[in-house]
C-alpha atoms as a PDB file:
ATOM      1  CA  MET A   1     -39.282  20.091 -24.406  1.00  0.00           C
ATOM      2  CA  MET A   2     -36.400  20.130 -26.910  1.00  0.00           C
ATOM      3  CA  LEU A   3     -33.920  21.254 -24.273  1.00  0.00           C
ATOM      4  CA  ARG A   4     -35.074  18.574 -21.814  1.00  0.00           C
ATOM      5  CA  ASP A   5     -34.567  15.832 -24.406  1.00  0.00           C
ATOM      6  CA  GLN A   6     -31.140  17.156 -25.253  1.00  0.00           C
ATOM      7  CA  ILE A   7     -30.109  17.245 -21.641  1.00  0.00           C
ATOM      8  CA  HIS A   8     -31.535  13.681 -21.065  1.00  0.00           C
ATOM      9  CA  CYS A   9     -29.621  12.405 -24.145  1.00  0.00           C
ATOM     10  CA  CYS A  10     -26.379  13.995 -22.905  1.00  0.00           C
ATOM     11  CA  LEU A  11     -26.752  12.626 -19.348  1.00  0.00           C
ATOM     12  CA  ASP A  12     -27.686   9.142 -20.741  1.00  0.00           C
ATOM     13  CA  ARG A  13     -24.545   9.156 -22.990  1.00  0.00           C
ATOM     14  CA  PHE A  14     -22.414  10.368 -20.053  1.00  0.00           C
ATOM     15  CA  ARG A  15     -23.886   7.527 -17.864  1.00  0.00           C
ATOM     16  CA  ARG A  16     -23.030   4.838 -20.491  1.00  0.00           C
ATOM     17  CA  ASP A  17     -19.503   6.088 -21.205  1.00  0.00           C
ATOM     18  CA  GLU A  18     -16.835   3.974 -19.348  1.00  0.00           C
ATOM     19  CA  ALA A  19     -13.708   5.547 -20.822  1.00  0.00           C
ATOM     20  CA  GLY A  20     -12.543   7.064 -17.490  1.00  0.00           C
ATOM     21  CA  ALA A  21     -13.473   4.217 -15.322  1.00  0.00           C
ATOM     22  CA  VAL A  22     -10.392   2.154 -15.802  1.00  0.00           C
ATOM     23  CA  THR A  23      -8.201   5.078 -15.145  1.00  0.00           C
ATOM     24  CA  THR A  24     -10.084   5.723 -11.952  1.00  0.00           C
ATOM     25  CA  ASP A  25      -9.718   2.112 -10.925  1.00  0.00           C
ATOM     26  CA  TRP A  26      -5.974   2.236 -11.506  1.00  0.00           C
ATOM     27  CA  VAL A  27      -5.581   5.432  -9.601  1.00  0.00           C
ATOM     28  CA  LEU A  28      -7.423   4.012  -6.637  1.00  0.00           C
ATOM     29  CA  LEU A  29      -5.544   0.707  -6.704  1.00  0.00           C
ATOM     30  CA  THR A  30      -2.197   2.424  -6.968  1.00  0.00           C
ATOM     31  CA  SER A  31      -2.809   4.797  -4.143  1.00  0.00           C
ATOM     32  CA  LEU A  32      -3.949   1.945  -1.955  1.00  0.00           C
ATOM     33  CA  VAL A  33      -0.829  -0.022  -2.641  1.00  0.00           C
ATOM     34  CA  ILE A  34       1.392   2.986  -1.949  1.00  0.00           C
ATOM     35  CA  GLY A  35      -0.596   3.600   1.265  1.00  0.00           C
ATOM     36  CA  ILE A  36      -0.228   0.169   2.504  1.00  0.00           C
ATOM     37  CA  SER A  37       3.494   0.172   1.547  1.00  0.00           C
ATOM     38  CA  VAL A  38       4.134   3.357   3.548  1.00  0.00           C
ATOM     39  CA  ALA A  39       2.267   1.944   6.587  1.00  0.00           C
ATOM     40  CA  ALA A  40       4.112  -1.330   6.505  1.00  0.00           C
ATOM     41  CA  THR A  41       7.441   0.528   6.076  1.00  0.00           C
ATOM     42  CA  SER A  42       6.642   2.766   9.058  1.00  0.00           C
ATOM     43  CA  VAL A  43       5.867  -0.189  11.197  1.00  0.00           C
ATOM     44  CA  VAL A  44       9.015  -2.126  10.333  1.00  0.00           C
ATOM     45  CA  TRP A  45      11.152   1.039  10.601  1.00  0.00           C
ATOM     46  CA  SER A  46       9.956   1.907  14.050  1.00  0.00           C
ATOM     47  CA  ASN A  47      10.827  -1.602  15.345  1.00  0.00           C
ATOM     48  CA  MET A  48      14.291  -1.614  13.545  1.00  0.00           C
ATOM     49  CA  GLY A  49      15.696   0.653  16.415  1.00  0.00           C
ATOM     50  CA  LYS A  50      15.583  -2.198  18.939  1.00  0.00           C
ATOM     51  CA  LEU A  51      16.876  -4.952  16.646  1.00  0.00           C
ATOM     52  CA  PRO A  52      20.659  -4.382  16.993  1.00  0.00           C
ATOM     53  CA  ASP A  53      20.335  -4.340  20.791  1.00  0.00           C
ATOM     54  CA  ASP A  54      18.387  -7.507  20.778  1.00  0.00           C
ATOM     55  CA  ILE A  55      20.869  -9.263  18.513  1.00  0.00           C
ATOM     56  CA  ALA A  56      23.801  -8.049  20.636  1.00  0.00           C
ATOM     57  CA  SER A  57      22.266  -9.252  23.932  1.00  0.00           C
ATOM     58  CA  THR A  58      21.330 -12.683  22.468  1.00  0.00           C
ATOM     59  CA  ALA A  59      24.730 -13.086  20.856  1.00  0.00           C
ATOM     60  CA  SER A  60      26.545 -12.185  24.006  1.00  0.00           C
ATOM     61  CA  ALA A  61      24.659 -14.866  25.945  1.00  0.00           C
ATOM     62  CA  TYR A  62      26.061 -17.601  23.806  1.00  0.00           C
ATOM     63  CA  GLU A  63      29.267 -19.417  24.774  1.00  0.00           C
ATOM     64  CA  ILE A  64      31.430 -20.457  21.977  1.00  0.00           C
ATOM     65  CA  THR A  65      33.573 -23.558  22.578  1.00  0.00           C
ATOM     66  CA  THR A  66      36.632 -24.280  20.442  1.00  0.00           C
ATOM     67  CA  SER A  67      36.963 -28.045  21.218  1.00  0.00           C
ATOM     68  CA  PHE A  68      34.819 -31.088  20.534  1.00  0.00           C
ATOM     69  CA  ASP A  69      34.855 -32.562  24.011  1.00  0.00           C
END
């Protein structure tokens, strides 16, 4: 019975201890922010290849006039 009480006391103390909970929260939040940043960067980066061609075709369609007639 003595061993059972010791185990119960140890488990109860472990359950009430919150010392590592904040560290775990920060690790999870940081990894989430990094994951979202990587995903957003990959989406933006994959669409950047078309951007110079789109700008060039749009800019070449404009006619620039040099007089105010």
